[in-house]
Amino acid sequence: MNKILAGVDEVGRGSLIGPVYAAAVILDKSINKKILKDSKSLNIKKRELLYDYIKKNSIWAIGKASVQEIEKINILQASLLAMRRAIKKLKKKPSHVLIDGNKVPKLKNYNLKSIVKGDEKIPAISAASIIAKVSRDQFITKLSFKNKGYYWEKNFGYATKQHLEAIKKLGATKHHRKTFYPISKIQMHNI
């Protein structure tokens, strides 16, 4: 039996807004693994080019956990839930799943292994980090057009000075994670 390896990574754990995204990727044998790097080490243009390249040359899937799920079960459990959803959505079942980090989601009948800094070491995990990051960034950019003044198209919901000042001035939206500090200290506004 051929070994089918999937790499998995998540993005958005530290953001103050929106869902957490995870991607699972099975790379095609023809893909150039040397050009795959952790998404955090790439500029936006390079990340988007690789995103298109990976999508054309792999089997991939996205899993998400909503703001409501994050607030109900906590960000770690929501990240693992998003990973589980991504793995289960793959069109082909992998024989081995390598996951960035030190935890694996609960998933029966899968051979799962966590790898700390896997996004820097394993091409399939690097590819998953790129797919997850670009997918989430595209979603957050669309949200930013409907929620002007928070600059999400630049900060993607992370706690930048500009974003924190906007929250103080405009209040928090329904997209903000209410259990996250400093949102938990700020009056909510439904925008």
C-alpha atoms as a PDB file:
ATOM      1  CA  MET A   1       0.000   0.000   0.000  1.00  0.00           C
ATOM      2  CA  ASN A   2       1.275   3.458  -0.888  1.00  0.00           C
ATOM      3  CA  LYS A   3       1.847   5.794   2.031  1.00  0.00           C
ATOM      4  CA  ILE A   4      -0.451   8.822   1.765  1.00  0.00           C
ATOM      5  CA  LEU A   5       0.851  11.635   3.936  1.00  0.00           C
ATOM      6  CA  ALA A   6      -1.243  14.645   4.936  1.00  0.00           C
ATOM      7  CA  GLY A   7       0.095  17.750   6.630  1.00  0.00           C
ATOM      8  CA  VAL A   8      -2.141  19.828   8.903  1.00  0.00           C
ATOM      9  CA  ASP A   9      -1.803  23.318  10.360  1.00  0.00           C
ATOM     10  CA  GLU A  10      -4.088  25.987  11.775  1.00  0.00           C
ATOM     11  CA  VAL A  11      -4.138  29.769  11.718  1.00  0.00           C
ATOM     12  CA  GLY A  12      -5.926  32.474  13.656  1.00  0.00           C
ATOM     13  CA  ARG A  13      -5.529  31.251  17.218  1.00  0.00           C
ATOM     14  CA  GLY A  14      -4.186  34.572  18.463  1.00  0.00           C
ATOM     15  CA  SER A  15      -6.579  36.773  16.498  1.00  0.00           C
ATOM     16  CA  LEU A  16      -9.269  38.732  18.347  1.00  0.00           C
ATOM     17  CA  ILE A  17     -11.840  38.098  15.605  1.00  0.00           C
ATOM     18  CA  GLY A  18     -13.367  35.475  13.377  1.00  0.00           C
ATOM     19  CA  PRO A  19     -13.071  31.732  13.043  1.00  0.00           C
ATOM     20  CA  VAL A  20      -9.925  29.679  13.460  1.00  0.00           C
ATOM     21  CA  TYR A  21      -8.963  27.929  10.195  1.00  0.00           C
ATOM     22  CA  ALA A  22      -7.130  24.662   9.638  1.00  0.00           C
ATOM     23  CA  ALA A  23      -5.960  23.089   6.404  1.00  0.00           C
ATOM     24  CA  ALA A  24      -5.082  19.494   5.582  1.00  0.00           C
ATOM     25  CA  VAL A  25      -2.946  18.903   2.486  1.00  0.00           C
ATOM     26  CA  ILE A  26      -1.812  15.795   0.621  1.00  0.00           C
ATOM     27  CA  LEU A  27       0.915  16.905  -1.788  1.00  0.00           C
ATOM     28  CA  ASP A  28       1.105  15.529  -5.311  1.00  0.00           C
ATOM     29  CA  LYS A  29       4.374  13.702  -6.032  1.00  0.00           C
ATOM     30  CA  SER A  30       5.177  16.253  -8.759  1.00  0.00           C
ATOM     31  CA  ILE A  31       5.144  19.276  -6.419  1.00  0.00           C
ATOM     32  CA  ASN A  32       8.402  21.141  -5.772  1.00  0.00           C
ATOM     33  CA  LYS A  33       8.802  20.662  -2.017  1.00  0.00           C
ATOM     34  CA  LYS A  34      11.872  22.918  -1.823  1.00  0.00           C
ATOM     35  CA  ILE A  35       9.790  26.061  -2.353  1.00  0.00           C
ATOM     36  CA  LEU A  36       7.318  25.274   0.444  1.00  0.00           C
ATOM     37  CA  LYS A  37       7.984  27.231   3.638  1.00  0.00           C
ATOM     38  CA  ASP A  38       6.094  28.158   6.785  1.00  0.00           C
ATOM     39  CA  SER A  39       3.490  30.793   5.837  1.00  0.00           C
ATOM     40  CA  LYS A  40       4.791  33.200   8.517  1.00  0.00           C
ATOM     41  CA  SER A  41       8.189  33.357   6.761  1.00  0.00           C
ATOM     42  CA  LEU A  42       6.702  34.406   3.398  1.00  0.00           C
ATOM     43  CA  ASN A  43       5.517  37.794   2.183  1.00  0.00           C
ATOM     44  CA  ILE A  44       1.901  38.124   1.023  1.00  0.00           C
ATOM     45  CA  LYS A  45       2.703  37.967  -2.726  1.00  0.00           C
ATOM     46  CA  LYS A  46       4.821  34.800  -2.388  1.00  0.00           C
ATOM     47  CA  ARG A  47       2.226  33.218  -0.076  1.00  0.00           C
ATOM     48  CA  GLU A  48      -0.567  33.833  -2.597  1.00  0.00           C
ATOM     49  CA  LEU A  49       1.477  32.420  -5.500  1.00  0.00           C
ATOM     50  CA  LEU A  50       2.242  29.292  -3.467  1.00  0.00           C
ATOM     51  CA  TYR A  51      -1.417  29.069  -2.403  1.00  0.00           C
ATOM     52  CA  ASP A  52      -2.479  28.790  -6.067  1.00  0.00           C
ATOM     53  CA  TYR A  53       0.363  26.355  -6.838  1.00  0.00           C
ATOM     54  CA  ILE A  54      -0.489  24.091  -3.879  1.00  0.00           C
ATOM     55  CA  LYS A  55      -4.231  24.111  -4.687  1.00  0.00           C
ATOM     56  CA  LYS A  56      -3.458  22.958  -8.259  1.00  0.00           C
ATOM     57  CA  ASN A  57      -0.940  20.295  -7.169  1.00  0.00           C
ATOM     58  CA  SER A  58      -2.468  18.661  -4.123  1.00  0.00           C
ATOM     59  CA  ILE A  59      -5.554  17.343  -2.421  1.00  0.00           C
ATOM     60  CA  TRP A  60      -6.542  19.887   0.205  1.00  0.00           C
ATOM     61  CA  ALA A  61      -9.375  20.782   2.558  1.00  0.00           C
ATOM     62  CA  ILE A  62     -10.224  23.575   4.971  1.00  0.00           C
ATOM     63  CA  GLY A  63     -11.846  23.161   8.371  1.00  0.00           C
ATOM     64  CA  LYS A  64     -13.090  26.018  10.533  1.00  0.00           C
ATOM     65  CA  ALA A  65     -14.361  26.611  14.035  1.00  0.00           C
ATOM     66  CA  SER A  66     -16.628  29.615  14.530  1.00  0.00           C
ATOM     67  CA  VAL A  67     -16.371  32.437  17.055  1.00  0.00           C
ATOM     68  CA  GLN A  68     -19.279  30.818  18.942  1.00  0.00           C
ATOM     69  CA  GLU A  69     -17.442  27.475  19.064  1.00  0.00           C
ATOM     70  CA  ILE A  70     -14.215  29.187  20.176  1.00  0.00           C
ATOM     71  CA  GLU A  71     -16.079  30.877  23.027  1.00  0.00           C
ATOM     72  CA  LYS A  72     -17.888  27.683  24.022  1.00  0.00           C
ATOM     73  CA  ILE A  73     -14.986  25.204  24.025  1.00  0.00           C
ATOM     74  CA  ASN A  74     -11.865  27.499  24.122  1.00  0.00           C
ATOM     75  CA  ILE A  75      -9.354  28.310  21.399  1.00  0.00           C
ATOM     76  CA  LEU A  76      -7.230  25.158  21.759  1.00  0.00           C
ATOM     77  CA  GLN A  77     -10.227  22.823  21.474  1.00  0.00           C
ATOM     78  CA  ALA A  78     -11.628  24.924  18.609  1.00  0.00           C
ATOM     79  CA  SER A  79      -8.271  24.661  16.769  1.00  0.00           C
ATOM     80  CA  LEU A  80      -8.318  20.879  17.176  1.00  0.00           C
ATOM     81  CA  LEU A  81     -11.950  20.813  15.988  1.00  0.00           C
ATOM     82  CA  ALA A  82     -11.017  22.798  12.856  1.00  0.00           C
ATOM     83  CA  MET A  83      -8.143  20.350  12.215  1.00  0.00           C
ATOM     84  CA  ARG A  84     -10.452  17.354  12.622  1.00  0.00           C
ATOM     85  CA  ARG A  85     -12.915  18.888  10.150  1.00  0.00           C
ATOM     86  CA  ALA A  86     -10.150  19.571   7.603  1.00  0.00           C
ATOM     87  CA  ILE A  87      -8.763  16.014   7.839  1.00  0.00           C
ATOM     88  CA  LYS A  88     -12.227  14.451   7.447  1.00  0.00           C
ATOM     89  CA  LYS A  89     -13.018  16.637   4.393  1.00  0.00           C
ATOM     90  CA  LEU A  90     -10.013  15.360   2.397  1.00  0.00           C
ATOM     91  CA  LYS A  91     -11.187  13.517  -0.738  1.00  0.00           C
ATOM     92  CA  LYS A  92      -8.621  10.784  -0.081  1.00  0.00           C
ATOM     93  CA  LYS A  93      -8.010   9.240   3.347  1.00  0.00           C
ATOM     94  CA  PRO A  94      -4.343   9.650   4.364  1.00  0.00           C
ATOM     95  CA  SER A  95      -2.430   6.750   5.913  1.00  0.00           C
ATOM     96  CA  HIS A  96      -0.391   9.201   8.027  1.00  0.00           C
ATOM     97  CA  VAL A  97      -1.306  12.679   9.286  1.00  0.00           C
ATOM     98  CA  LEU A  98       1.420  15.024  10.533  1.00  0.00           C
ATOM     99  CA  ILE A  99       0.139  17.956  12.576  1.00  0.00           C
ATOM    100  CA  ASP A 100       1.986  21.149  13.467  1.00  0.00           C
ATOM    101  CA  GLY A 101       2.293  21.638  17.225  1.00  0.00           C
ATOM    102  CA  ASN A 102       2.220  19.365  20.241  1.00  0.00           C
ATOM    103  CA  LYS A 103      -1.420  18.208  20.239  1.00  0.00           C
ATOM    104  CA  VAL A 104      -3.516  16.064  17.931  1.00  0.00           C
ATOM    105  CA  PRO A 105      -7.293  16.143  17.475  1.00  0.00           C
ATOM    106  CA  LYS A 106      -9.371  13.177  18.607  1.00  0.00           C
ATOM    107  CA  LEU A 107      -9.996  11.214  15.446  1.00  0.00           C
ATOM    108  CA  LYS A 108     -10.610   7.469  15.258  1.00  0.00           C
ATOM    109  CA  ASN A 109      -9.020   5.309  12.563  1.00  0.00           C
ATOM    110  CA  TYR A 110      -6.337   7.855  11.629  1.00  0.00           C
ATOM    111  CA  ASN A 111      -2.593   7.603  12.252  1.00  0.00           C
ATOM    112  CA  LEU A 112      -1.905  11.065  13.761  1.00  0.00           C
ATOM    113  CA  LYS A 113       1.400  12.511  14.919  1.00  0.00           C
ATOM    114  CA  SER A 114       2.194  16.003  16.220  1.00  0.00           C
ATOM    115  CA  ILE A 115       5.444  17.726  15.255  1.00  0.00           C
ATOM    116  CA  VAL A 116       6.600  20.875  17.036  1.00  0.00           C
ATOM    117  CA  LYS A 117       7.616  23.484  14.429  1.00  0.00           C
ATOM    118  CA  GLY A 118       6.369  21.057  11.772  1.00  0.00           C
ATOM    119  CA  ASP A 119       5.504  24.001   9.521  1.00  0.00           C
ATOM    120  CA  GLU A 120       9.268  24.669   9.249  1.00  0.00           C
ATOM    121  CA  LYS A 121      10.314  21.016   8.788  1.00  0.00           C
ATOM    122  CA  ILE A 122       7.642  19.118   6.829  1.00  0.00           C
ATOM    123  CA  PRO A 123       6.638  20.339   3.321  1.00  0.00           C
ATOM    124  CA  ALA A 124       3.045  19.048   3.631  1.00  0.00           C
ATOM    125  CA  ILE A 125       2.602  20.986   6.900  1.00  0.00           C
ATOM    126  CA  SER A 126       4.189  24.095   5.303  1.00  0.00           C
ATOM    127  CA  ALA A 127       1.660  23.740   2.474  1.00  0.00           C
ATOM    128  CA  ALA A 128      -1.183  23.424   4.994  1.00  0.00           C
ATOM    129  CA  SER A 129       0.020  26.559   6.803  1.00  0.00           C
ATOM    130  CA  ILE A 130      -0.063  28.481   3.498  1.00  0.00           C
ATOM    131  CA  ILE A 131      -3.531  27.214   2.507  1.00  0.00           C
ATOM    132  CA  ALA A 132      -4.958  27.980   5.980  1.00  0.00           C
ATOM    133  CA  LYS A 133      -3.338  31.437   6.199  1.00  0.00           C
ATOM    134  CA  VAL A 134      -4.345  32.680   2.746  1.00  0.00           C
ATOM    135  CA  SER A 135      -7.884  31.243   3.084  1.00  0.00           C
ATOM    136  CA  ARG A 136      -8.427  32.952   6.444  1.00  0.00           C
ATOM    137  CA  ASP A 137      -6.818  36.211   5.303  1.00  0.00           C
ATOM    138  CA  GLN A 138      -9.181  36.326   2.295  1.00  0.00           C
ATOM    139  CA  PHE A 139     -12.191  35.785   4.574  1.00  0.00           C
ATOM    140  CA  ILE A 140     -11.061  38.440   7.070  1.00  0.00           C
ATOM    141  CA  THR A 141     -10.370  40.915   4.235  1.00  0.00           C
ATOM    142  CA  LYS A 142     -13.988  40.487   3.030  1.00  0.00           C
ATOM    143  CA  LEU A 143     -15.220  41.037   6.608  1.00  0.00           C
ATOM    144  CA  SER A 144     -13.174  44.231   6.832  1.00  0.00           C
ATOM    145  CA  PHE A 145     -15.145  45.815   3.976  1.00  0.00           C
ATOM    146  CA  LYS A 146     -18.351  45.376   5.989  1.00  0.00           C
ATOM    147  CA  ASN A 147     -16.732  46.538   9.248  1.00  0.00           C
ATOM    148  CA  LYS A 148     -14.822  49.679   8.342  1.00  0.00           C
ATOM    149  CA  GLY A 149     -12.461  51.372  10.772  1.00  0.00           C
ATOM    150  CA  TYR A 150     -10.913  48.229  12.306  1.00  0.00           C
ATOM    151  CA  TYR A 151      -8.307  47.783   9.512  1.00  0.00           C
ATOM    152  CA  TRP A 152      -8.750  44.008   9.472  1.00  0.00           C
ATOM    153  CA  GLU A 153      -7.456  43.938   5.886  1.00  0.00           C
ATOM    154  CA  LYS A 154      -4.093  44.927   7.412  1.00  0.00           C
ATOM    155  CA  ASN A 155      -4.112  43.396  10.917  1.00  0.00           C
ATOM    156  CA  PHE A 156      -6.351  40.348  10.230  1.00  0.00           C
ATOM    157  CA  GLY A 157      -7.897  40.794  13.665  1.00  0.00           C
ATOM    158  CA  TYR A 158      -4.678  40.623  15.667  1.00  0.00           C
ATOM    159  CA  ALA A 159      -4.133  42.979  18.598  1.00  0.00           C
ATOM    160  CA  THR A 160      -2.253  45.747  16.803  1.00  0.00           C
ATOM    161  CA  LYS A 161      -2.258  49.237  18.288  1.00  0.00           C
ATOM    162  CA  GLN A 162      -4.516  50.425  15.448  1.00  0.00           C
ATOM    163  CA  HIS A 163      -7.031  47.587  15.996  1.00  0.00           C
ATOM    164  CA  LEU A 164      -7.133  48.102  19.778  1.00  0.00           C
ATOM    165  CA  GLU A 165      -7.707  51.841  19.330  1.00  0.00           C
ATOM    166  CA  ALA A 166     -10.539  51.108  16.869  1.00  0.00           C
ATOM    167  CA  ILE A 167     -12.191  48.748  19.378  1.00  0.00           C
ATOM    168  CA  LYS A 168     -12.009  51.436  22.088  1.00  0.00           C
ATOM    169  CA  LYS A 169     -13.488  54.010  19.703  1.00  0.00           C
ATOM    170  CA  LEU A 170     -16.076  51.898  17.828  1.00  0.00           C
ATOM    171  CA  GLY A 171     -16.708  49.050  20.271  1.00  0.00           C
ATOM    172  CA  ALA A 172     -16.499  45.337  19.558  1.00  0.00           C
ATOM    173  CA  THR A 173     -18.457  43.657  16.755  1.00  0.00           C
ATOM    174  CA  LYS A 174     -20.241  40.320  16.601  1.00  0.00           C
ATOM    175  CA  HIS A 175     -17.066  39.019  14.907  1.00  0.00           C
ATOM    176  CA  HIS A 176     -14.904  39.730  17.965  1.00  0.00           C
ATOM    177  CA  ARG A 177     -14.135  36.887  20.353  1.00  0.00           C
ATOM    178  CA  LYS A 178     -15.827  38.182  23.488  1.00  0.00           C
ATOM    179  CA  THR A 179     -13.909  35.893  25.841  1.00  0.00           C
ATOM    180  CA  PHE A 180     -10.543  37.190  24.598  1.00  0.00           C
ATOM    181  CA  TYR A 181      -8.760  39.974  26.449  1.00  0.00           C
ATOM    182  CA  PRO A 182      -9.156  42.943  25.941  1.00  0.00           C
ATOM    183  CA  ILE A 183     -12.535  42.326  24.232  1.00  0.00           C
ATOM    184  CA  SER A 184     -13.849  40.841  27.480  1.00  0.00           C
ATOM    185  CA  LYS A 185     -13.292  44.264  29.087  1.00  0.00           C
ATOM    186  CA  ILE A 186     -14.950  46.326  26.347  1.00  0.00           C
ATOM    187  CA  GLN A 187     -18.660  47.031  25.860  1.00  0.00           C
ATOM    188  CA  MET A 188     -20.084  45.020  22.933  1.00  0.00           C
ATOM    189  CA  HIS A 189     -21.788  46.661  19.959  1.00  0.00           C
ATOM    190  CA  ASN A 190     -23.596  44.564  17.389  1.00  0.00           C
ATOM    191  CA  ILE A 191     -22.367  45.786  14.019  1.00  0.00           C
END
